[in-house]
Amino acid sequence: MSYNQQRHEMLRKLQIEQLPTLYAPTEMEEHYHPFGESLPIRSKMPVPGKRCPNCLRRGQTIWVIPGKRCSQCGTEVL
C-alpha cells in the first residue's frame, strides 16, 4: 500500500473528508466572471453594526457587530 493509499484509508476511518487540490487559475479562467462585472460590491446582506457606547462618550465612532467586543476599549456591545 502506498503512502497516499495509507493516508486515504486513515482519513476515511477517521471520517475526515479531504478537500480537492486547489489549482492556480489559467489565463482564460482569470478573465471569466460567471456573474458579470456589473454586480455591486455589496451584493451580500450587510452585518448590522452598533456604535460602541463607551467610545461614543469619548467622541470616537467605532462600529461593532452586536454580541462582540469593541476593538478599541473591549466593551461588549449588545
PDB file of N, CA and C in Angstrom:
ATOM      1  N   MET A   1       0.848  -1.171   0.000  1.00  0.00           N
ATOM      2  CA  MET A   1       0.000   0.000   0.000  1.00  0.00           C
ATOM      3  C   MET A   1       0.899   1.242   0.000  1.00  0.00           C
ATOM      4  N   SER A   2       0.638   2.161  -0.901  1.00  0.00           N
ATOM      5  CA  SER A   2       1.470   3.359  -0.993  1.00  0.00           C
ATOM      6  C   SER A   2       1.090   4.344   0.108  1.00  0.00           C
ATOM      7  N   TYR A   3       1.920   5.366   0.237  1.00  0.00           N
ATOM      8  CA  TYR A   3       1.687   6.395   1.249  1.00  0.00           C
ATOM      9  C   TYR A   3       0.320   7.045   1.060  1.00  0.00           C
ATOM     10  N   ASN A   4      -0.021   7.381  -0.179  1.00  0.00           N
ATOM     11  CA  ASN A   4      -1.299   8.038  -0.440  1.00  0.00           C
ATOM     12  C   ASN A   4      -2.479   7.133  -0.091  1.00  0.00           C
ATOM     13  N   GLN A   5      -2.350   5.846  -0.367  1.00  0.00           N
ATOM     14  CA  GLN A   5      -3.432   4.921  -0.035  1.00  0.00           C
ATOM     15  C   GLN A   5      -3.570   4.781   1.476  1.00  0.00           C
ATOM     16  N   GLN A   6      -2.443   4.712   2.180  1.00  0.00           N
ATOM     17  CA  GLN A   6      -2.483   4.616   3.640  1.00  0.00           C
ATOM     18  C   GLN A   6      -3.119   5.869   4.236  1.00  0.00           C
ATOM     19  N   ARG A   7      -2.717   6.990   3.723  1.00  0.00           N
ATOM     20  CA  ARG A   7      -3.257   8.259   4.212  1.00  0.00           C
ATOM     21  C   ARG A   7      -4.760   8.335   3.931  1.00  0.00           C
ATOM     22  N   HIS A   8      -5.149   7.940   2.727  1.00  0.00           N
ATOM     23  CA  HIS A   8      -6.565   7.966   2.359  1.00  0.00           C
ATOM     24  C   HIS A   8      -7.379   7.045   3.269  1.00  0.00           C
ATOM     25  N   GLU A   9      -6.876   5.849   3.536  1.00  0.00           N
ATOM     26  CA  GLU A   9      -7.577   4.902   4.401  1.00  0.00           C
ATOM     27  C   GLU A   9      -7.700   5.442   5.823  1.00  0.00           C
ATOM     28  N   MET A  10      -6.624   6.052   6.328  1.00  0.00           N
ATOM     29  CA  MET A  10      -6.648   6.600   7.678  1.00  0.00           C
ATOM     30  C   MET A  10      -7.677   7.733   7.777  1.00  0.00           C
ATOM     31  N   LEU A  11      -7.682   8.620   6.789  1.00  0.00           N
ATOM     32  CA  LEU A  11      -8.642   9.722   6.793  1.00  0.00           C
ATOM     33  C   LEU A  11     -10.073   9.205   6.686  1.00  0.00           C
ATOM     34  N   ARG A  12     -10.279   8.179   5.865  1.00  0.00           N
ATOM     35  CA  ARG A  12     -11.611   7.599   5.705  1.00  0.00           C
ATOM     36  C   ARG A  12     -12.089   6.978   7.013  1.00  0.00           C
ATOM     37  N   LYS A  13     -11.206   6.256   7.725  1.00  0.00           N
ATOM     38  CA  LYS A  13     -11.575   5.639   9.002  1.00  0.00           C
ATOM     39  C   LYS A  13     -11.908   6.693  10.056  1.00  0.00           C
ATOM     40  N   LEU A  14     -11.223   7.824  10.000  1.00  0.00           N
ATOM     41  CA  LEU A  14     -11.482   8.912  10.948  1.00  0.00           C
ATOM     42  C   LEU A  14     -12.645   9.790  10.508  1.00  0.00           C
ATOM     43  N   GLN A  15     -13.237   9.454   9.365  1.00  0.00           N
ATOM     44  CA  GLN A  15     -14.357  10.195   8.781  1.00  0.00           C
ATOM     45  C   GLN A  15     -13.988  11.653   8.518  1.00  0.00           C
ATOM     46  N   ILE A  16     -12.769  11.847   7.992  1.00  0.00           N
ATOM     47  CA  ILE A  16     -12.297  13.177   7.619  1.00  0.00           C
ATOM     48  C   ILE A  16     -12.365  13.286   6.111  1.00  0.00           C
ATOM     49  N   GLU A  17     -13.084  14.290   5.633  1.00  0.00           N
ATOM     50  CA  GLU A  17     -13.208  14.498   4.194  1.00  0.00           C
ATOM     51  C   GLU A  17     -12.102  15.436   3.735  1.00  0.00           C
ATOM     52  N   GLN A  18     -11.315  14.982   2.795  1.00  0.00           N
ATOM     53  CA  GLN A  18     -10.222  15.797   2.286  1.00  0.00           C
ATOM     54  C   GLN A  18     -10.722  16.623   1.111  1.00  0.00           C
ATOM     55  N   LEU A  19     -10.430  17.921   1.154  1.00  0.00           N
ATOM     56  CA  LEU A  19     -10.862  18.811   0.088  1.00  0.00           C
ATOM     57  C   LEU A  19     -10.014  18.613  -1.154  1.00  0.00           C
ATOM     58  N   PRO A  20     -10.567  18.885  -2.330  1.00  0.00           N
ATOM     59  CA  PRO A  20      -9.785  18.736  -3.556  1.00  0.00           C
ATOM     60  C   PRO A  20      -8.652  19.760  -3.612  1.00  0.00           C
ATOM     61  N   THR A  21      -7.635  19.443  -4.376  1.00  0.00           N
ATOM     62  CA  THR A  21      -6.481  20.316  -4.527  1.00  0.00           C
ATOM     63  C   THR A  21      -6.865  21.584  -5.264  1.00  0.00           C
ATOM     64  N   LEU A  22      -6.350  22.697  -4.784  1.00  0.00           N
ATOM     65  CA  LEU A  22      -6.591  23.972  -5.453  1.00  0.00           C
ATOM     66  C   LEU A  22      -5.521  24.183  -6.514  1.00  0.00           C
ATOM     67  N   TYR A  23      -5.941  24.632  -7.656  1.00  0.00           N
ATOM     68  CA  TYR A  23      -5.017  24.907  -8.742  1.00  0.00           C
ATOM     69  C   TYR A  23      -5.047  26.394  -9.060  1.00  0.00           C
ATOM     70  N   ALA A  24      -3.930  26.914  -9.540  1.00  0.00           N
ATOM     71  CA  ALA A  24      -3.884  28.309  -9.972  1.00  0.00           C
ATOM     72  C   ALA A  24      -4.750  28.448 -11.214  1.00  0.00           C
ATOM     73  N   PRO A  25      -5.540  29.524 -11.304  1.00  0.00           N
ATOM     74  CA  PRO A  25      -6.407  29.686 -12.475  1.00  0.00           C
ATOM     75  C   PRO A  25      -5.588  29.910 -13.740  1.00  0.00           C
ATOM     76  N   THR A  26      -6.089  29.378 -14.828  1.00  0.00           N
ATOM     77  CA  THR A  26      -5.420  29.600 -16.103  1.00  0.00           C
ATOM     78  C   THR A  26      -5.734  31.003 -16.587  1.00  0.00           C
ATOM     79  N   GLU A  27      -5.051  31.433 -17.619  1.00  0.00           N
ATOM     80  CA  GLU A  27      -5.258  32.783 -18.138  1.00  0.00           C
ATOM     81  C   GLU A  27      -6.701  32.972 -18.592  1.00  0.00           C
ATOM     82  N   MET A  28      -7.290  31.949 -19.181  1.00  0.00           N
ATOM     83  CA  MET A  28      -8.663  32.043 -19.662  1.00  0.00           C
ATOM     84  C   MET A  28      -9.636  32.170 -18.488  1.00  0.00           C
ATOM     85  N   GLU A  29      -9.404  31.414 -17.412  1.00  0.00           N
ATOM     86  CA  GLU A  29     -10.287  31.450 -16.250  1.00  0.00           C
ATOM     87  C   GLU A  29     -10.224  32.788 -15.523  1.00  0.00           C
ATOM     88  N   GLU A  30      -9.078  33.463 -15.572  1.00  0.00           N
ATOM     89  CA  GLU A  30      -8.928  34.740 -14.882  1.00  0.00           C
ATOM     90  C   GLU A  30      -9.851  35.801 -15.464  1.00  0.00           C
ATOM     91  N   HIS A  31     -10.173  35.696 -16.739  1.00  0.00           N
ATOM     92  CA  HIS A  31     -10.996  36.699 -17.392  1.00  0.00           C
ATOM     93  C   HIS A  31     -12.473  36.325 -17.417  1.00  0.00           C
ATOM     94  N   TYR A  32     -12.797  35.150 -16.937  1.00  0.00           N
ATOM     95  CA  TYR A  32     -14.176  34.683 -16.958  1.00  0.00           C
ATOM     96  C   TYR A  32     -14.851  35.007 -15.628  1.00  0.00           C
ATOM     97  N   HIS A  33     -15.958  35.731 -15.686  1.00  0.00           N
ATOM     98  CA  HIS A  33     -16.732  36.055 -14.497  1.00  0.00           C
ATOM     99  C   HIS A  33     -18.159  35.573 -14.737  1.00  0.00           C
ATOM    100  N   PRO A  34     -18.579  34.491 -14.072  1.00  0.00           N
ATOM    101  CA  PRO A  34     -19.896  33.924 -14.353  1.00  0.00           C
ATOM    102  C   PRO A  34     -21.055  34.864 -14.038  1.00  0.00           C
ATOM    103  N   PHE A  35     -20.880  35.803 -13.124  1.00  0.00           N
ATOM    104  CA  PHE A  35     -21.963  36.704 -12.761  1.00  0.00           C
ATOM    105  C   PHE A  35     -21.818  38.069 -13.404  1.00  0.00           C
ATOM    106  N   GLY A  36     -20.803  38.256 -14.186  1.00  0.00           N
ATOM    107  CA  GLY A  36     -20.592  39.547 -14.827  1.00  0.00           C
ATOM    108  C   GLY A  36     -19.931  40.528 -13.875  1.00  0.00           C
ATOM    109  N   GLU A  37     -19.456  41.605 -14.422  1.00  0.00           N
ATOM    110  CA  GLU A  37     -18.772  42.594 -13.601  1.00  0.00           C
ATOM    111  C   GLU A  37     -19.684  43.745 -13.220  1.00  0.00           C
ATOM    112  N   SER A  38     -20.952  43.673 -13.578  1.00  0.00           N
ATOM    113  CA  SER A  38     -21.863  44.772 -13.300  1.00  0.00           C
ATOM    114  C   SER A  38     -22.489  44.693 -11.911  1.00  0.00           C
ATOM    115  N   LEU A  39     -22.219  43.619 -11.161  1.00  0.00           N
ATOM    116  CA  LEU A  39     -22.809  43.495  -9.838  1.00  0.00           C
ATOM    117  C   LEU A  39     -22.152  44.469  -8.866  1.00  0.00           C
ATOM    118  N   PRO A  40     -22.923  45.039  -7.973  1.00  0.00           N
ATOM    119  CA  PRO A  40     -22.317  45.927  -6.979  1.00  0.00           C
ATOM    120  C   PRO A  40     -21.457  45.132  -6.005  1.00  0.00           C
ATOM    121  N   ILE A  41     -20.519  45.790  -5.386  1.00  0.00           N
ATOM    122  CA  ILE A  41     -19.616  45.118  -4.451  1.00  0.00           C
ATOM    123  C   ILE A  41     -20.391  44.581  -3.252  1.00  0.00           C
ATOM    124  N   ARG A  42     -21.361  45.313  -2.778  1.00  0.00           N
ATOM    125  CA  ARG A  42     -22.135  44.901  -1.605  1.00  0.00           C
ATOM    126  C   ARG A  42     -23.325  44.043  -2.018  1.00  0.00           C
ATOM    127  N   SER A  43     -23.056  42.899  -2.602  1.00  0.00           N
ATOM    128  CA  SER A  43     -24.138  42.022  -3.036  1.00  0.00           C
ATOM    129  C   SER A  43     -24.632  41.137  -1.900  1.00  0.00           C
ATOM    130  N   LYS A  44     -23.867  41.036  -0.805  1.00  0.00           N
ATOM    131  CA  LYS A  44     -24.281  40.247   0.345  1.00  0.00           C
ATOM    132  C   LYS A  44     -25.055  41.139   1.306  1.00  0.00           C
ATOM    133  N   MET A  45     -25.795  40.502   2.188  1.00  0.00           N
ATOM    134  CA  MET A  45     -26.514  41.279   3.189  1.00  0.00           C
ATOM    135  C   MET A  45     -25.505  41.863   4.168  1.00  0.00           C
ATOM    136  N   PRO A  46     -25.642  43.130   4.494  1.00  0.00           N
ATOM    137  CA  PRO A  46     -24.688  43.738   5.421  1.00  0.00           C
ATOM    138  C   PRO A  46     -24.888  43.224   6.843  1.00  0.00           C
ATOM    139  N   VAL A  47     -23.819  43.230   7.605  1.00  0.00           N
ATOM    140  CA  VAL A  47     -23.884  42.846   9.007  1.00  0.00           C
ATOM    141  C   VAL A  47     -24.350  44.069   9.790  1.00  0.00           C
ATOM    142  N   PRO A  48     -25.386  43.925  10.608  1.00  0.00           N
ATOM    143  CA  PRO A  48     -25.841  45.083  11.366  1.00  0.00           C
ATOM    144  C   PRO A  48     -24.804  45.463  12.409  1.00  0.00           C
ATOM    145  N   GLY A  49     -24.421  46.706  12.416  1.00  0.00           N
ATOM    146  CA  GLY A  49     -23.426  47.176  13.365  1.00  0.00           C
ATOM    147  C   GLY A  49     -24.025  48.166  14.337  1.00  0.00           C
ATOM    148  N   LYS A  50     -23.415  48.258  15.500  1.00  0.00           N
ATOM    149  CA  LYS A  50     -23.815  49.238  16.505  1.00  0.00           C
ATOM    150  C   LYS A  50     -22.575  50.016  16.914  1.00  0.00           C
ATOM    151  N   ARG A  51     -22.788  51.240  17.315  1.00  0.00           N
ATOM    152  CA  ARG A  51     -21.672  52.040  17.810  1.00  0.00           C
ATOM    153  C   ARG A  51     -21.363  51.623  19.236  1.00  0.00           C
ATOM    154  N   CYS A  52     -20.089  51.602  19.564  1.00  0.00           N
ATOM    155  CA  CYS A  52     -19.676  51.290  20.929  1.00  0.00           C
ATOM    156  C   CYS A  52     -20.052  52.474  21.815  1.00  0.00           C
ATOM    157  N   PRO A  53     -20.888  52.259  22.855  1.00  0.00           N
ATOM    158  CA  PRO A  53     -21.317  53.378  23.693  1.00  0.00           C
ATOM    159  C   PRO A  53     -20.177  54.000  24.487  1.00  0.00           C
ATOM    160  N   ASN A  54     -19.221  53.188  24.906  1.00  0.00           N
ATOM    161  CA  ASN A  54     -18.092  53.694  25.684  1.00  0.00           C
ATOM    162  C   ASN A  54     -17.214  54.610  24.829  1.00  0.00           C
ATOM    163  N   CYS A  55     -16.918  54.198  23.615  1.00  0.00           N
ATOM    164  CA  CYS A  55     -16.097  55.015  22.711  1.00  0.00           C
ATOM    165  C   CYS A  55     -16.871  56.247  22.248  1.00  0.00           C
ATOM    166  N   LEU A  56     -18.186  56.110  22.090  1.00  0.00           N
ATOM    167  CA  LEU A  56     -19.012  57.234  21.652  1.00  0.00           C
ATOM    168  C   LEU A  56     -18.987  58.361  22.685  1.00  0.00           C
ATOM    169  N   ARG A  57     -18.950  57.997  23.979  1.00  0.00           N
ATOM    170  CA  ARG A  57     -18.855  59.005  25.039  1.00  0.00           C
ATOM    171  C   ARG A  57     -17.540  59.773  24.962  1.00  0.00           C
ATOM    172  N   ARG A  58     -16.499  59.106  24.449  1.00  0.00           N
ATOM    173  CA  ARG A  58     -15.191  59.762  24.311  1.00  0.00           C
ATOM    174  C   ARG A  58     -15.043  60.486  22.980  1.00  0.00           C
ATOM    175  N   GLY A  59     -16.109  60.480  22.179  1.00  0.00           N
ATOM    176  CA  GLY A  59     -16.076  61.194  20.908  1.00  0.00           C
ATOM    177  C   GLY A  59     -15.582  60.376  19.729  1.00  0.00           C
ATOM    178  N   GLN A  60     -15.410  59.070  19.914  1.00  0.00           N
ATOM    179  CA  GLN A  60     -14.962  58.195  18.832  1.00  0.00           C
ATOM    180  C   GLN A  60     -16.156  57.410  18.298  1.00  0.00           C
ATOM    181  N   THR A  61     -16.172  57.179  17.007  1.00  0.00           N
ATOM    182  CA  THR A  61     -17.216  56.356  16.403  1.00  0.00           C
ATOM    183  C   THR A  61     -16.588  55.039  15.983  1.00  0.00           C
ATOM    184  N   ILE A  62     -16.838  54.009  16.766  1.00  0.00           N
ATOM    185  CA  ILE A  62     -16.328  52.667  16.492  1.00  0.00           C
ATOM    186  C   ILE A  62     -17.531  51.755  16.300  1.00  0.00           C
ATOM    187  N   TRP A  63     -17.599  51.104  15.137  1.00  0.00           N
ATOM    188  CA  TRP A  63     -18.702  50.193  14.829  1.00  0.00           C
ATOM    189  C   TRP A  63     -18.334  48.782  15.262  1.00  0.00           C
ATOM    190  N   VAL A  64     -19.290  48.096  15.900  1.00  0.00           N
ATOM    191  CA  VAL A  64     -19.061  46.754  16.434  1.00  0.00           C
ATOM    192  C   VAL A  64     -20.248  45.873  16.049  1.00  0.00           C
ATOM    193  N   ILE A  65     -19.975  44.624  15.732  1.00  0.00           N
ATOM    194  CA  ILE A  65     -21.037  43.653  15.477  1.00  0.00           C
ATOM    195  C   ILE A  65     -21.682  43.326  16.822  1.00  0.00           C
ATOM    196  N   PRO A  66     -23.020  43.396  16.923  1.00  0.00           N
ATOM    197  CA  PRO A  66     -23.682  43.108  18.199  1.00  0.00           C
ATOM    198  C   PRO A  66     -23.282  41.739  18.750  1.00  0.00           C
ATOM    199  N   GLY A  67     -22.967  41.713  20.051  1.00  0.00           N
ATOM    200  CA  GLY A  67     -22.533  40.486  20.707  1.00  0.00           C
ATOM    201  C   GLY A  67     -21.026  40.337  20.750  1.00  0.00           C
ATOM    202  N   LYS A  68     -20.306  41.222  20.065  1.00  0.00           N
ATOM    203  CA  LYS A  68     -18.842  41.179  20.051  1.00  0.00           C
ATOM    204  C   LYS A  68     -18.296  42.290  20.931  1.00  0.00           C
ATOM    205  N   ARG A  69     -16.981  42.266  21.144  1.00  0.00           N
ATOM    206  CA  ARG A  69     -16.318  43.294  21.942  1.00  0.00           C
ATOM    207  C   ARG A  69     -15.708  44.349  21.034  1.00  0.00           C
ATOM    208  N   CYS A  70     -15.696  45.574  21.521  1.00  0.00           N
ATOM    209  CA  CYS A  70     -15.107  46.693  20.788  1.00  0.00           C
ATOM    210  C   CYS A  70     -13.603  46.472  20.670  1.00  0.00           C
ATOM    211  N   SER A  71     -13.053  46.720  19.498  1.00  0.00           N
ATOM    212  CA  SER A  71     -11.616  46.513  19.283  1.00  0.00           C
ATOM    213  C   SER A  71     -10.776  47.592  19.959  1.00  0.00           C
ATOM    214  N   GLN A  72     -11.378  48.728  20.293  1.00  0.00           N
ATOM    215  CA  GLN A  72     -10.631  49.825  20.908  1.00  0.00           C
ATOM    216  C   GLN A  72     -10.606  49.729  22.435  1.00  0.00           C
ATOM    217  N   CYS A  73     -11.786  49.523  23.038  1.00  0.00           N
ATOM    218  CA  CYS A  73     -11.854  49.568  24.502  1.00  0.00           C
ATOM    219  C   CYS A  73     -12.206  48.228  25.145  1.00  0.00           C
ATOM    220  N   GLY A  74     -12.679  47.264  24.358  1.00  0.00           N
ATOM    221  CA  GLY A  74     -13.002  45.939  24.891  1.00  0.00           C
ATOM    222  C   GLY A  74     -14.397  45.808  25.475  1.00  0.00           C
ATOM    223  N   THR A  75     -15.217  46.854  25.362  1.00  0.00           N
ATOM    224  CA  THR A  75     -16.585  46.810  25.875  1.00  0.00           C
ATOM    225  C   THR A  75     -17.435  45.889  25.005  1.00  0.00           C
ATOM    226  N   GLU A  76     -18.216  45.016  25.653  1.00  0.00           N
ATOM    227  CA  GLU A  76     -19.117  44.144  24.896  1.00  0.00           C
ATOM    228  C   GLU A  76     -20.329  44.951  24.463  1.00  0.00           C
ATOM    229  N   VAL A  77     -20.624  44.913  23.179  1.00  0.00           N
ATOM    230  CA  VAL A  77     -21.740  45.672  22.626  1.00  0.00           C
ATOM    231  C   VAL A  77     -22.885  44.705  22.364  1.00  0.00           C
ATOM    232  N   LEU A  78     -24.028  44.970  22.986  1.00  0.00           N
ATOM    233  CA  LEU A  78     -25.190  44.085  22.833  1.00  0.00           C
ATOM    234  C   LEU A  78     -26.203  44.648  21.894  1.00  0.00           C
TER     235      LEU A  78
END
